[in-house]
Amino acid sequence: MTASNIVVELCKKMNISISELARRIGQSPQNFNKKLKRGTVSFEEMMTIAEALGVKYEQAFVLKNGEKIQIGNVKDF
């Protein structure tokens, strides 16, 4: 699943539009939609989205035994 797909799925589950999410993270809906279409949503933007929606975002490699190798900081909001 791409970052763009994750954002779209999150919006569905949180019952908000992509445009509303864009406004909450300080971007124009047009600019944010372009990023989603290009698949260029950054890790920092994913963290901002998590903060804006009060959810947790993790980025990690998960080994077969379940061990996670984390990339970046994991925050709870």
PDB file of N, CA and C in Angstrom:
ATOM      1  N   MET A   1       0.851  -1.172   0.000  1.00  0.00           N
ATOM      2  CA  MET A   1       0.000   0.000   0.000  1.00  0.00           C
ATOM      3  C   MET A   1       0.895   1.233   0.000  1.00  0.00           C
ATOM      4  N   THR A   2       0.616   2.165  -0.875  1.00  0.00           N
ATOM      5  CA  THR A   2       1.416   3.387  -0.951  1.00  0.00           C
ATOM      6  C   THR A   2       1.001   4.376   0.132  1.00  0.00           C
ATOM      7  N   ALA A   3       1.842   5.357   0.362  1.00  0.00           N
ATOM      8  CA  ALA A   3       1.509   6.408   1.327  1.00  0.00           C
ATOM      9  C   ALA A   3       0.216   7.100   0.931  1.00  0.00           C
ATOM     10  N   SER A   4       0.026   7.319  -0.354  1.00  0.00           N
ATOM     11  CA  SER A   4      -1.196   7.965  -0.832  1.00  0.00           C
ATOM     12  C   SER A   4      -2.420   7.121  -0.500  1.00  0.00           C
ATOM     13  N   ASN A   5      -2.311   5.812  -0.717  1.00  0.00           N
ATOM     14  CA  ASN A   5      -3.432   4.917  -0.398  1.00  0.00           C
ATOM     15  C   ASN A   5      -3.743   4.936   1.093  1.00  0.00           C
ATOM     16  N   ILE A   6      -2.698   4.986   1.904  1.00  0.00           N
ATOM     17  CA  ILE A   6      -2.887   5.018   3.353  1.00  0.00           C
ATOM     18  C   ILE A   6      -3.621   6.288   3.763  1.00  0.00           C
ATOM     19  N   VAL A   7      -3.260   7.408   3.185  1.00  0.00           N
ATOM     20  CA  VAL A   7      -3.907   8.687   3.507  1.00  0.00           C
ATOM     21  C   VAL A   7      -5.381   8.643   3.113  1.00  0.00           C
ATOM     22  N   VAL A   8      -5.672   8.131   1.938  1.00  0.00           N
ATOM     23  CA  VAL A   8      -7.064   8.039   1.479  1.00  0.00           C
ATOM     24  C   VAL A   8      -7.866   7.135   2.412  1.00  0.00           C
ATOM     25  N   GLU A   9      -7.304   5.998   2.774  1.00  0.00           N
ATOM     26  CA  GLU A   9      -7.981   5.059   3.680  1.00  0.00           C
ATOM     27  C   GLU A   9      -8.213   5.700   5.045  1.00  0.00           C
ATOM     28  N   LEU A  10      -7.220   6.423   5.543  1.00  0.00           N
ATOM     29  CA  LEU A  10      -7.350   7.107   6.823  1.00  0.00           C
ATOM     30  C   LEU A  10      -8.490   8.114   6.785  1.00  0.00           C
ATOM     31  N   CYS A  11      -8.567   8.884   5.717  1.00  0.00           N
ATOM     32  CA  CYS A  11      -9.644   9.873   5.590  1.00  0.00           C
ATOM     33  C   CYS A  11     -11.011   9.197   5.599  1.00  0.00           C
ATOM     34  N   LYS A  12     -11.127   8.072   4.919  1.00  0.00           N
ATOM     35  CA  LYS A  12     -12.392   7.330   4.912  1.00  0.00           C
ATOM     36  C   LYS A  12     -12.756   6.899   6.324  1.00  0.00           C
ATOM     37  N   LYS A  13     -11.793   6.323   7.038  1.00  0.00           N
ATOM     38  CA  LYS A  13     -12.063   5.830   8.390  1.00  0.00           C
ATOM     39  C   LYS A  13     -12.342   6.967   9.377  1.00  0.00           C
ATOM     40  N   MET A  14     -11.731   8.131   9.153  1.00  0.00           N
ATOM     41  CA  MET A  14     -11.930   9.282  10.036  1.00  0.00           C
ATOM     42  C   MET A  14     -13.121  10.143   9.600  1.00  0.00           C
ATOM     43  N   ASN A  15     -13.721   9.754   8.464  1.00  0.00           N
ATOM     44  CA  ASN A  15     -14.896  10.444   7.935  1.00  0.00           C
ATOM     45  C   ASN A  15     -14.634  11.933   7.648  1.00  0.00           C
ATOM     46  N   ILE A  16     -13.477  12.193   7.014  1.00  0.00           N
ATOM     47  CA  ILE A  16     -13.183  13.553   6.558  1.00  0.00           C
ATOM     48  C   ILE A  16     -12.728  13.481   5.103  1.00  0.00           C
ATOM     49  N   SER A  17     -12.860  14.581   4.419  1.00  0.00           N
ATOM     50  CA  SER A  17     -12.441  14.633   3.020  1.00  0.00           C
ATOM     51  C   SER A  17     -10.944  14.908   2.926  1.00  0.00           C
ATOM     52  N   ILE A  18     -10.384  14.606   1.779  1.00  0.00           N
ATOM     53  CA  ILE A  18      -8.976  14.927   1.513  1.00  0.00           C
ATOM     54  C   ILE A  18      -8.771  16.442   1.608  1.00  0.00           C
ATOM     55  N   SER A  19      -9.738  17.191   1.117  1.00  0.00           N
ATOM     56  CA  SER A  19      -9.647  18.659   1.173  1.00  0.00           C
ATOM     57  C   SER A  19      -9.595  19.156   2.612  1.00  0.00           C
ATOM     58  N   GLU A  20     -10.422  18.583   3.472  1.00  0.00           N
ATOM     59  CA  GLU A  20     -10.416  18.975   4.883  1.00  0.00           C
ATOM     60  C   GLU A  20      -9.090  18.616   5.531  1.00  0.00           C
ATOM     61  N   LEU A  21      -8.567  17.447   5.223  1.00  0.00           N
ATOM     62  CA  LEU A  21      -7.261  17.055   5.762  1.00  0.00           C
ATOM     63  C   LEU A  21      -6.192  18.047   5.309  1.00  0.00           C
ATOM     64  N   ALA A  22      -6.203  18.398   4.032  1.00  0.00           N
ATOM     65  CA  ALA A  22      -5.225  19.358   3.507  1.00  0.00           C
ATOM     66  C   ALA A  22      -5.271  20.663   4.301  1.00  0.00           C
ATOM     67  N   ARG A  23      -6.474  21.169   4.550  1.00  0.00           N
ATOM     68  CA  ARG A  23      -6.607  22.414   5.312  1.00  0.00           C
ATOM     69  C   ARG A  23      -6.064  22.246   6.735  1.00  0.00           C
ATOM     70  N   ARG A  24      -6.328  21.099   7.350  1.00  0.00           N
ATOM     71  CA  ARG A  24      -5.870  20.870   8.725  1.00  0.00           C
ATOM     72  C   ARG A  24      -4.352  20.816   8.829  1.00  0.00           C
ATOM     73  N   ILE A  25      -3.686  20.425   7.759  1.00  0.00           N
ATOM     74  CA  ILE A  25      -2.214  20.362   7.796  1.00  0.00           C
ATOM     75  C   ILE A  25      -1.566  21.574   7.131  1.00  0.00           C
ATOM     76  N   GLY A  26      -2.383  22.577   6.819  1.00  0.00           N
ATOM     77  CA  GLY A  26      -1.855  23.839   6.309  1.00  0.00           C
ATOM     78  C   GLY A  26      -1.472  23.835   4.842  1.00  0.00           C
ATOM     79  N   GLN A  27      -2.098  22.963   4.049  1.00  0.00           N
ATOM     80  CA  GLN A  27      -1.826  22.928   2.611  1.00  0.00           C
ATOM     81  C   GLN A  27      -3.118  23.209   1.855  1.00  0.00           C
ATOM     82  N   SER A  28      -2.972  23.670   0.640  1.00  0.00           N
ATOM     83  CA  SER A  28      -4.157  23.853  -0.185  1.00  0.00           C
ATOM     84  C   SER A  28      -4.634  22.483  -0.669  1.00  0.00           C
ATOM     85  N   PRO A  29      -5.940  22.313  -0.797  1.00  0.00           N
ATOM     86  CA  PRO A  29      -6.446  21.032  -1.309  1.00  0.00           C
ATOM     87  C   PRO A  29      -5.850  20.669  -2.670  1.00  0.00           C
ATOM     88  N   GLN A  30      -5.663  21.664  -3.536  1.00  0.00           N
ATOM     89  CA  GLN A  30      -5.106  21.401  -4.865  1.00  0.00           C
ATOM     90  C   GLN A  30      -3.683  20.853  -4.771  1.00  0.00           C
ATOM     91  N   ASN A  31      -2.857  21.488  -3.962  1.00  0.00           N
ATOM     92  CA  ASN A  31      -1.465  21.051  -3.807  1.00  0.00           C
ATOM     93  C   ASN A  31      -1.402  19.653  -3.196  1.00  0.00           C
ATOM     94  N   PHE A  32      -2.213  19.412  -2.166  1.00  0.00           N
ATOM     95  CA  PHE A  32      -2.175  18.118  -1.492  1.00  0.00           C
ATOM     96  C   PHE A  32      -2.674  17.009  -2.412  1.00  0.00           C
ATOM     97  N   ASN A  33      -3.708  17.278  -3.188  1.00  0.00           N
ATOM     98  CA  ASN A  33      -4.195  16.279  -4.144  1.00  0.00           C
ATOM     99  C   ASN A  33      -3.121  15.929  -5.174  1.00  0.00           C
ATOM    100  N   LYS A  34      -2.368  16.918  -5.621  1.00  0.00           N
ATOM    101  CA  LYS A  34      -1.278  16.661  -6.563  1.00  0.00           C
ATOM    102  C   LYS A  34      -0.218  15.754  -5.935  1.00  0.00           C
ATOM    103  N   LYS A  35       0.109  16.011  -4.668  1.00  0.00           N
ATOM    104  CA  LYS A  35       1.082  15.164  -3.969  1.00  0.00           C
ATOM    105  C   LYS A  35       0.581  13.728  -3.874  1.00  0.00           C
ATOM    106  N   LEU A  36      -0.704  13.571  -3.576  1.00  0.00           N
ATOM    107  CA  LEU A  36      -1.270  12.227  -3.480  1.00  0.00           C
ATOM    108  C   LEU A  36      -1.207  11.514  -4.826  1.00  0.00           C
ATOM    109  N   LYS A  37      -1.532  12.224  -5.894  1.00  0.00           N
ATOM    110  CA  LYS A  37      -1.509  11.618  -7.233  1.00  0.00           C
ATOM    111  C   LYS A  37      -0.093  11.241  -7.658  1.00  0.00           C
ATOM    112  N   ARG A  38       0.891  12.080  -7.285  1.00  0.00           N
ATOM    113  CA  ARG A  38       2.284  11.793  -7.635  1.00  0.00           C
ATOM    114  C   ARG A  38       2.917  10.787  -6.677  1.00  0.00           C
ATOM    115  N   GLY A  39       2.286  10.595  -5.525  1.00  0.00           N
ATOM    116  CA  GLY A  39       2.861   9.703  -4.518  1.00  0.00           C
ATOM    117  C   GLY A  39       4.067  10.304  -3.833  1.00  0.00           C
ATOM    118  N   THR A  40       4.042  11.611  -3.611  1.00  0.00           N
ATOM    119  CA  THR A  40       5.193  12.297  -3.029  1.00  0.00           C
ATOM    120  C   THR A  40       4.914  12.842  -1.626  1.00  0.00           C
ATOM    121  N   VAL A  41       4.079  12.169  -0.868  1.00  0.00           N
ATOM    122  CA  VAL A  41       3.818  12.569   0.513  1.00  0.00           C
ATOM    123  C   VAL A  41       5.016  12.117   1.353  1.00  0.00           C
ATOM    124  N   SER A  42       5.640  13.053   2.041  1.00  0.00           N
ATOM    125  CA  SER A  42       6.863  12.750   2.804  1.00  0.00           C
ATOM    126  C   SER A  42       6.545  12.148   4.169  1.00  0.00           C
ATOM    127  N   PHE A  43       7.575  11.578   4.781  1.00  0.00           N
ATOM    128  CA  PHE A  43       7.442  11.055   6.134  1.00  0.00           C
ATOM    129  C   PHE A  43       7.006  12.159   7.093  1.00  0.00           C
ATOM    130  N   GLU A  44       7.595  13.335   6.946  1.00  0.00           N
ATOM    131  CA  GLU A  44       7.254  14.459   7.818  1.00  0.00           C
ATOM    132  C   GLU A  44       5.787  14.845   7.657  1.00  0.00           C
ATOM    133  N   GLU A  45       5.290  14.801   6.420  1.00  0.00           N
ATOM    134  CA  GLU A  45       3.875  15.106   6.190  1.00  0.00           C
ATOM    135  C   GLU A  45       2.979  14.037   6.805  1.00  0.00           C
ATOM    136  N   MET A  46       3.411  12.784   6.752  1.00  0.00           N
ATOM    137  CA  MET A  46       2.629  11.714   7.380  1.00  0.00           C
ATOM    138  C   MET A  46       2.556  11.941   8.892  1.00  0.00           C
ATOM    139  N   MET A  47       3.645  12.391   9.494  1.00  0.00           N
ATOM    140  CA  MET A  47       3.644  12.691  10.924  1.00  0.00           C
ATOM    141  C   MET A  47       2.724  13.872  11.230  1.00  0.00           C
ATOM    142  N   THR A  48       2.721  14.878  10.361  1.00  0.00           N
ATOM    143  CA  THR A  48       1.844  16.031  10.530  1.00  0.00           C
ATOM    144  C   THR A  48       0.382  15.613  10.425  1.00  0.00           C
ATOM    145  N   ILE A  49       0.088  14.721   9.485  1.00  0.00           N
ATOM    146  CA  ILE A  49      -1.272  14.201   9.325  1.00  0.00           C
ATOM    147  C   ILE A  49      -1.694  13.474  10.604  1.00  0.00           C
ATOM    148  N   ALA A  50      -0.810  12.638  11.131  1.00  0.00           N
ATOM    149  CA  ALA A  50      -1.120  11.901  12.361  1.00  0.00           C
ATOM    150  C   ALA A  50      -1.425  12.862  13.504  1.00  0.00           C
ATOM    151  N   GLU A  51      -0.616  13.889  13.637  1.00  0.00           N
ATOM    152  CA  GLU A  51      -0.829  14.873  14.699  1.00  0.00           C
ATOM    153  C   GLU A  51      -2.155  15.599  14.504  1.00  0.00           C
ATOM    154  N   ALA A  52      -2.444  16.010  13.282  1.00  0.00           N
ATOM    155  CA  ALA A  52      -3.674  16.743  12.995  1.00  0.00           C
ATOM    156  C   ALA A  52      -4.924  15.922  13.273  1.00  0.00           C
ATOM    157  N   LEU A  53      -4.830  14.599  13.089  1.00  0.00           N
ATOM    158  CA  LEU A  53      -6.002  13.739  13.274  1.00  0.00           C
ATOM    159  C   LEU A  53      -6.002  12.990  14.601  1.00  0.00           C
ATOM    160  N   GLY A  54      -4.966  13.193  15.396  1.00  0.00           N
ATOM    161  CA  GLY A  54      -4.908  12.559  16.704  1.00  0.00           C
ATOM    162  C   GLY A  54      -4.738  11.055  16.646  1.00  0.00           C
ATOM    163  N   VAL A  55      -3.936  10.599  15.682  1.00  0.00           N
ATOM    164  CA  VAL A  55      -3.660   9.169  15.539  1.00  0.00           C
ATOM    165  C   VAL A  55      -2.154   8.939  15.600  1.00  0.00           C
ATOM    166  N   LYS A  56      -1.756   7.681  15.622  1.00  0.00           N
ATOM    167  CA  LYS A  56      -0.349   7.296  15.668  1.00  0.00           C
ATOM    168  C   LYS A  56       0.076   6.852  14.274  1.00  0.00           C
ATOM    169  N   TYR A  57       1.276   7.242  13.853  1.00  0.00           N
ATOM    170  CA  TYR A  57       1.823   6.800  12.568  1.00  0.00           C
ATOM    171  C   TYR A  57       3.173   6.161  12.840  1.00  0.00           C
ATOM    172  N   GLU A  58       3.367   4.967  12.307  1.00  0.00           N
ATOM    173  CA  GLU A  58       4.643   4.263  12.446  1.00  0.00           C
ATOM    174  C   GLU A  58       5.196   3.949  11.063  1.00  0.00           C
ATOM    175  N   GLN A  59       6.493   4.045  10.933  1.00  0.00           N
ATOM    176  CA  GLN A  59       7.174   3.620   9.719  1.00  0.00           C
ATOM    177  C   GLN A  59       8.292   2.696  10.169  1.00  0.00           C
ATOM    178  N   ALA A  60       8.248   1.445   9.697  1.00  0.00           N
ATOM    179  CA  ALA A  60       9.224   0.465  10.178  1.00  0.00           C
ATOM    180  C   ALA A  60       9.372  -0.688   9.197  1.00  0.00           C
ATOM    181  N   PHE A  61      10.502  -1.372   9.303  1.00  0.00           N
ATOM    182  CA  PHE A  61      10.675  -2.670   8.665  1.00  0.00           C
ATOM    183  C   PHE A  61      10.236  -3.688   9.705  1.00  0.00           C
ATOM    184  N   VAL A  62       9.438  -4.660   9.307  1.00  0.00           N
ATOM    185  CA  VAL A  62       8.985  -5.693  10.226  1.00  0.00           C
ATOM    186  C   VAL A  62       9.557  -7.029   9.761  1.00  0.00           C
ATOM    187  N   LEU A  63      10.379  -7.629  10.603  1.00  0.00           N
ATOM    188  CA  LEU A  63      11.006  -8.901  10.278  1.00  0.00           C
ATOM    189  C   LEU A  63       9.995 -10.034  10.426  1.00  0.00           C
ATOM    190  N   LYS A  64      10.318 -11.189   9.867  1.00  0.00           N
ATOM    191  CA  LYS A  64       9.408 -12.340   9.910  1.00  0.00           C
ATOM    192  C   LYS A  64       9.053 -12.743  11.332  1.00  0.00           C
ATOM    193  N   ASN A  65       9.955 -12.522  12.272  1.00  0.00           N
ATOM    194  CA  ASN A  65       9.684 -12.875  13.661  1.00  0.00           C
ATOM    195  C   ASN A  65       8.877 -11.799  14.390  1.00  0.00           C
ATOM    196  N   GLY A  66       8.470 -10.751  13.674  1.00  0.00           N
ATOM    197  CA  GLY A  66       7.667  -9.686  14.268  1.00  0.00           C
ATOM    198  C   GLY A  66       8.466  -8.506  14.789  1.00  0.00           C
ATOM    199  N   GLU A  67       9.781  -8.639  14.834  1.00  0.00           N
ATOM    200  CA  GLU A  67      10.624  -7.541  15.297  1.00  0.00           C
ATOM    201  C   GLU A  67      10.536  -6.375  14.323  1.00  0.00           C
ATOM    202  N   LYS A  68      10.476  -5.155  14.874  1.00  0.00           N
ATOM    203  CA  LYS A  68      10.389  -3.947  14.046  1.00  0.00           C
ATOM    204  C   LYS A  68      11.699  -3.187  14.084  1.00  0.00           C
ATOM    205  N   ILE A  69      12.127  -2.726  12.921  1.00  0.00           N
ATOM    206  CA  ILE A  69      13.251  -1.811  12.817  1.00  0.00           C
ATOM    207  C   ILE A  69      12.639  -0.488  12.387  1.00  0.00           C
ATOM    208  N   GLN A  70      12.613   0.459  13.324  1.00  0.00           N
ATOM    209  CA  GLN A  70      11.895   1.713  13.119  1.00  0.00           C
ATOM    210  C   GLN A  70      12.715   2.723  12.317  1.00  0.00           C
ATOM    211  N   ILE A  71      12.027   3.459  11.506  1.00  0.00           N
ATOM    212  CA  ILE A  71      12.619   4.540  10.740  1.00  0.00           C
ATOM    213  C   ILE A  71      12.003   5.831  11.247  1.00  0.00           C
ATOM    214  N   GLY A  72      12.826   6.771  11.647  1.00  0.00           N
ATOM    215  CA  GLY A  72      12.304   8.025  12.146  1.00  0.00           C
ATOM    216  C   GLY A  72      11.742   7.871  13.558  1.00  0.00           C
ATOM    217  N   ASN A  73      11.085   8.889  14.019  1.00  0.00           N
ATOM    218  CA  ASN A  73      10.488   8.881  15.344  1.00  0.00           C
ATOM    219  C   ASN A  73       9.056   8.406  15.264  1.00  0.00           C
ATOM    220  N   VAL A  74       8.626   7.677  16.262  1.00  0.00           N
ATOM    221  CA  VAL A  74       7.242   7.247  16.363  1.00  0.00           C
ATOM    222  C   VAL A  74       6.629   8.063  17.478  1.00  0.00           C
ATOM    223  N   LYS A  75       5.515   8.733  17.190  1.00  0.00           N
ATOM    224  CA  LYS A  75       4.887   9.609  18.179  1.00  0.00           C
ATOM    225  C   LYS A  75       3.477   9.125  18.485  1.00  0.00           C
ATOM    226  N   ASP A  76       3.082   9.273  19.713  1.00  0.00           N
ATOM    227  CA  ASP A  76       1.699   9.053  20.120  1.00  0.00           C
ATOM    228  C   ASP A  76       1.069  10.427  20.327  1.00  0.00           C
ATOM    229  N   PHE A  77      -0.110  10.602  19.807  1.00  0.00           N
ATOM    230  CA  PHE A  77      -0.805  11.887  19.978  1.00  0.00           C
ATOM    231  C   PHE A  77      -2.111  11.674  20.683  1.00  0.00           C
TER     232      PHE A  77
END
